[in-house]
Each structure stands twice: as structure tokens, then as C-alpha cells.
Protein backbone atom coordinates (compact mmCIF):
# COMPACT_ATOMS: atom_id res chain seq x y z
CA MET A 1 -17.27 -73.93 -33.55
CA LYS A 2 -13.77 -74.42 -34.89
CA LEU A 3 -11.07 -72.04 -33.71
CA PHE A 4 -8.34 -70.86 -36.08
CA LEU A 5 -5.34 -68.67 -35.34
CA ASP A 6 -4.75 -65.71 -37.65
CA THR A 7 -0.97 -65.64 -37.65
CA ALA A 8 2.21 -66.94 -39.26
CA ASP A 9 4.11 -66.86 -35.96
CA VAL A 10 5.25 -70.46 -35.50
CA ALA A 11 6.00 -70.02 -31.79
CA GLU A 12 2.46 -68.82 -31.08
CA ILE A 13 0.98 -71.59 -33.20
CA LYS A 14 2.96 -74.24 -31.32
CA LYS A 15 1.93 -72.72 -27.98
CA TYR A 16 -1.82 -72.99 -28.57
CA ALA A 17 -1.67 -76.16 -30.66
CA ALA A 18 -0.10 -77.88 -27.65
CA MET A 19 -3.30 -77.06 -25.73
CA GLY A 20 -5.44 -78.68 -28.44
CA LEU A 21 -7.13 -75.36 -29.25
CA VAL A 22 -6.10 -74.82 -32.87
CA ASP A 23 -8.23 -76.35 -35.61
CA GLY A 24 -6.62 -74.39 -38.44
CA ILE A 25 -4.65 -71.31 -39.43
CA THR A 26 -5.34 -68.27 -41.56
CA THR A 27 -2.54 -66.16 -42.98
CA ASN A 28 -2.23 -63.21 -45.35
CA PRO A 29 0.74 -61.63 -47.14
CA SER A 30 1.31 -59.15 -44.30
CA LEU A 31 1.43 -61.88 -41.64
CA VAL A 32 3.74 -64.07 -43.72
CA ALA A 33 6.06 -61.11 -44.37
CA GLN A 34 6.44 -60.65 -40.61
CA ALA A 35 7.82 -64.18 -40.37
CA GLY A 36 10.84 -63.08 -42.41
CA LYS A 37 10.94 -66.27 -44.51
CA PRO A 38 9.77 -67.26 -48.01
CA ARG A 39 6.02 -67.79 -48.10
CA GLU A 40 6.27 -71.43 -49.20
CA LYS A 41 8.62 -72.26 -46.33
CA VAL A 42 6.36 -70.57 -43.77
CA ILE A 43 3.25 -72.39 -44.99
CA ALA A 44 5.03 -75.76 -45.05
CA GLU A 45 6.29 -75.25 -41.51
CA ILE A 46 2.79 -74.38 -40.27
CA CYS A 47 1.33 -77.44 -42.00
CA ASP A 48 3.76 -79.61 -40.04
CA ILE A 49 2.34 -78.23 -36.78
CA VAL A 50 -1.41 -78.04 -37.38
CA ASP A 51 -3.38 -80.82 -39.05
CA GLY A 52 -6.20 -78.66 -40.33
CA PRO A 53 -7.00 -76.08 -43.00
CA ILE A 54 -4.11 -73.64 -43.52
CA SER A 55 -5.12 -70.58 -45.55
CA ALA A 56 -2.42 -69.21 -47.84
CA GLU A 57 -3.38 -66.09 -49.78
CA VAL A 58 -2.59 -65.37 -53.43
CA ILE A 59 -1.06 -62.01 -54.28
CA SER A 60 -2.21 -62.05 -57.91
CA VAL A 61 -5.42 -60.21 -58.83
CA GLU A 62 -6.12 -61.64 -62.30
CA ARG A 63 -8.04 -64.89 -62.66
CA LYS A 64 -5.52 -66.96 -64.60
CA LYS A 65 -2.60 -65.91 -62.41
CA MET A 66 -4.61 -66.54 -59.24
CA VAL A 67 -5.34 -70.06 -60.42
CA GLU A 68 -1.70 -70.73 -61.29
CA GLU A 69 -0.54 -69.33 -57.95
CA GLY A 70 -3.28 -71.17 -56.09
CA LEU A 71 -2.31 -74.52 -57.60
CA ALA A 72 1.32 -73.92 -56.60
CA LEU A 73 0.26 -73.13 -53.03
CA ALA A 74 -2.04 -76.15 -52.87
CA ALA A 75 0.88 -78.34 -53.93
CA ILE A 76 2.77 -77.43 -50.74
CA HIS A 77 0.55 -79.63 -48.56
CA ARG A 78 -2.83 -81.36 -48.66
CA ASN A 79 -4.15 -79.03 -45.92
CA VAL A 80 -3.48 -75.79 -47.78
CA THR A 81 -6.59 -73.73 -48.47
CA VAL A 82 -6.06 -71.12 -51.17
CA LYS A 83 -7.25 -67.67 -50.13
CA VAL A 84 -8.63 -65.39 -52.87
CA PRO A 85 -10.31 -61.96 -52.69
CA LEU A 86 -14.03 -61.48 -53.17
CA THR A 87 -13.78 -59.89 -56.61
CA GLY A 88 -15.07 -61.01 -59.98
CA ASP A 89 -11.69 -62.51 -60.85
CA GLY A 90 -11.42 -63.97 -57.37
CA LEU A 91 -14.76 -65.76 -57.66
CA ALA A 92 -13.87 -67.05 -61.13
CA ALA A 93 -10.57 -68.34 -59.75
CA CYS A 94 -12.46 -69.90 -56.84
CA ARG A 95 -14.65 -71.75 -59.30
CA ASP A 96 -11.66 -72.93 -61.32
CA LEU A 97 -9.74 -74.10 -58.25
CA SER A 98 -12.69 -75.79 -56.55
CA ARG A 99 -13.35 -77.78 -59.73
CA GLN A 100 -9.81 -79.10 -59.37
CA ASN A 101 -10.56 -80.18 -55.77
CA VAL A 102 -8.59 -77.32 -54.25
CA LYS A 103 -10.03 -75.89 -51.04
CA VAL A 104 -10.70 -72.14 -51.31
CA ASN A 105 -11.21 -69.42 -48.71
CA VAL A 106 -12.87 -66.32 -50.21
CA THR A 107 -11.75 -63.36 -48.14
CA LEU A 108 -12.62 -59.66 -47.73
CA CYS A 109 -16.37 -60.29 -47.51
CA PHE A 110 -18.43 -57.37 -46.21
CA ALA A 111 -22.02 -58.17 -47.22
CA PRO A 112 -24.32 -61.21 -46.92
CA VAL A 113 -25.00 -61.34 -50.66
CA GLN A 114 -21.24 -61.40 -51.31
CA ALA A 115 -21.03 -64.47 -49.10
CA MET A 116 -23.84 -66.10 -51.07
CA LEU A 117 -21.94 -65.47 -54.32
CA ALA A 118 -18.80 -67.02 -52.82
CA ALA A 119 -20.80 -70.12 -51.87
CA LYS A 120 -22.21 -70.39 -55.37
CA ALA A 121 -18.67 -70.13 -56.77
CA GLY A 122 -17.69 -73.20 -54.76
CA ALA A 123 -15.86 -71.67 -51.80
CA THR A 124 -14.92 -73.99 -48.95
CA PHE A 125 -14.90 -71.00 -46.58
CA VAL A 126 -16.05 -67.40 -46.82
CA SER A 127 -14.46 -64.84 -44.51
CA PRO A 128 -16.63 -61.88 -43.41
CA PHE A 129 -14.54 -59.15 -41.74
CA ILE A 130 -16.53 -58.07 -38.70
CA GLY A 131 -13.97 -55.83 -37.00
CA ARG A 132 -13.58 -53.64 -40.06
CA LEU A 133 -17.35 -53.22 -40.25
CA ASP A 134 -17.37 -52.20 -36.59
CA ASP A 135 -14.74 -49.59 -37.45
CA LEU A 136 -17.20 -48.03 -39.90
CA GLY A 137 -19.89 -47.72 -37.24
CA GLU A 138 -21.79 -50.83 -38.31
CA THR A 139 -22.46 -53.89 -36.15
CA GLY A 140 -20.16 -56.42 -37.71
CA MET A 141 -21.81 -59.45 -36.13
CA ASP A 142 -25.06 -58.64 -37.96
CA ILE A 143 -23.50 -59.89 -41.19
CA ILE A 144 -22.75 -63.24 -39.54
CA SER A 145 -26.39 -63.64 -38.49
CA ASP A 146 -27.58 -62.78 -42.00
CA ILE A 147 -25.13 -65.14 -43.71
CA ARG A 148 -26.04 -67.96 -41.32
CA GLU A 149 -29.74 -67.48 -42.14
CA ILE A 150 -29.13 -67.39 -45.91
CA PHE A 151 -26.86 -70.42 -45.89
CA ASP A 152 -29.32 -72.39 -43.76
CA ASN A 153 -32.24 -71.39 -46.01
CA TYR A 154 -30.58 -73.02 -49.00
CA ALA A 155 -28.41 -75.67 -47.32
CA LEU A 156 -25.24 -74.05 -48.65
CA LYS A 157 -22.18 -76.03 -47.58
CA THR A 158 -19.64 -73.20 -47.54
CA GLU A 159 -18.39 -72.62 -43.99
CA ILE A 160 -18.70 -69.18 -42.38
CA LEU A 161 -15.25 -68.17 -41.17
CA VAL A 162 -15.54 -65.11 -38.92
CA ALA A 163 -12.50 -62.88 -39.49
CA SER A 164 -11.14 -59.54 -38.29
CA VAL A 165 -11.91 -60.63 -34.73
CA ARG A 166 -10.88 -58.11 -32.10
CA SER A 167 -12.11 -59.48 -28.76
CA PRO A 168 -13.49 -62.47 -26.83
CA GLN A 169 -16.91 -60.84 -27.21
CA HIS A 170 -16.66 -61.34 -30.96
CA VAL A 171 -15.84 -65.01 -30.42
CA ARG A 172 -18.75 -65.51 -28.02
CA ALA A 173 -21.20 -63.83 -30.40
CA ALA A 174 -19.97 -65.88 -33.34
CA ALA A 175 -20.43 -69.10 -31.36
CA LYS A 176 -23.96 -68.12 -30.29
CA ILE A 177 -24.95 -67.32 -33.87
CA GLY A 178 -23.62 -70.63 -35.11
CA ALA A 179 -20.65 -69.62 -37.22
CA ASP A 180 -18.60 -72.57 -38.39
CA VAL A 181 -15.17 -71.06 -37.69
CA CYS A 182 -13.73 -68.07 -35.85
CA THR A 183 -10.17 -66.98 -36.64
CA MET A 184 -8.35 -64.69 -34.26
CA PRO A 185 -4.90 -63.30 -33.47
CA PRO A 186 -2.98 -65.06 -30.69
CA LYS A 187 -3.71 -62.14 -28.36
CA VAL A 188 -7.45 -62.83 -28.50
CA MET A 189 -6.90 -66.57 -28.09
CA GLY A 190 -4.97 -65.79 -24.93
CA GLN A 191 -7.75 -63.55 -23.67
CA LEU A 192 -10.24 -66.40 -24.03
CA LEU A 193 -8.29 -68.29 -21.37
CA LYS A 194 -8.40 -65.48 -18.85
CA HIS A 195 -10.92 -64.61 -16.16
CA PRO A 196 -10.09 -62.81 -12.90
CA LEU A 197 -12.13 -65.25 -10.84
CA THR A 198 -10.11 -68.15 -12.24
CA ASP A 199 -6.89 -66.45 -11.12
CA THR A 200 -8.15 -65.51 -7.67
CA GLY A 201 -9.74 -68.92 -7.18
CA LEU A 202 -6.52 -70.72 -8.04
CA ALA A 203 -4.53 -68.43 -5.76
CA GLN A 204 -6.91 -69.21 -2.90
CA PHE A 205 -6.73 -72.97 -3.48
CA LEU A 206 -2.93 -72.87 -3.45
CA ALA A 207 -2.89 -70.71 -0.33
CA ASP A 208 -5.25 -73.10 1.47
CA HIS A 209 -3.07 -76.04 0.41
CA GLU A 210 0.01 -74.38 1.90
CA LYS A 211 -1.83 -73.72 5.16
CA ALA A 212 -2.97 -77.34 5.36
CA LYS A 213 0.64 -78.55 5.14
CA LYS A 214 1.64 -76.63 8.27
């Protein structure tokens, strides 16, 4: 399973990219705004760090404007994936962009049949938001299982990009189900590295080494 970071924080991206853990990046207007720079500059800078899909989201909501904005974003770098919402206009824009060989990430997916529609529209990725479903009292990972089954039934090529990830447990479940990608904030990526037994084991090894030198 590919691991993406959901952030526009260049320092965090560099940190985990140096470990070889980052296969791509997802951003949204809120994350880019936090960077305090023009969107195009932020995306270009990220593309220079990570050689993988970099999702840049349109802010338009009408088909024609989404396509125009998407083409401008795609022109920033060959790795840019244009992110559009799962609406009627968004799916139409996805179709238009994909026919022009632009990679598209259809976001804000909350139902398996929505994901199927995104695949039929030519999406490169579809992003189900599991954390937000959990917030409503549903089991967010159930949608990933259902989408995986539907996509496998019909050999759909769109990749399942698990989004709104809140914990390492979400990442583990996504990997077990067979999701193609899991995108997460840097905090969760950091949590994947941690285990108390790793820390105590390392401390013991170092202590034993110091004793052996005496």
C-alpha cells in the first residue's frame, strides 16, 4: 500500500521523504492556506521534493471553471493530480480532464456507489473519507471494504485512496483490506513509527553496550 502525507508543510514532507516513506502528497485549500504562500508556489515546491502524485484541489464548483483551473494546476508539474469534488459537475470535470490525460483525484466520497461513479468518470484516485464517517457513528472502514469488492468485481482501475485518517489503526485496517493508498497527516505518520517496546528495547541495548565498555 502506498503512503501519502496529507499536508502542505514542506518541513514535514522533507522529514518523512528522507526516510523513504512518502509515495505522494494530498493537499486541500485549507492546508495550502496554512503554508502562507500562493497555491502554485506551494505545489511546485512539493513537487520538487516528492516524485509521486501530488493532489492539488480546485476551488471552482462549476464544470467549465473546474476544467480550466485543473489544466492550470496540471501545468505546474507532471506529477500534479487535480482534485475535484464528488458532485455532478465534479464528475463531468473529471471526465473532461481525464480525456486530456490529466490525473484526477475525486474527493469527498462517502458511499461505495459514489466511488463506482468516480471510477466510471475516469478518476485516477477516489478518496473515501473514513474519519468523517466514524464521526457520524458509522464504521468508516466498511466503505473501503465495499469499494474494494466492487472495484475487484469489475476490474476497475481507479485507485482507492483512504482519506480522513485519524490513527495508525485506520492505516492498518486499510492495508489489510487492500486499499491502494492511505493518506494521513504527519502526526499519524509519526505514530506509525512508535512502539513502546521499540523504545525500551533500544534503551536496554544501549545500556548493555555501555556496561560492556567498562
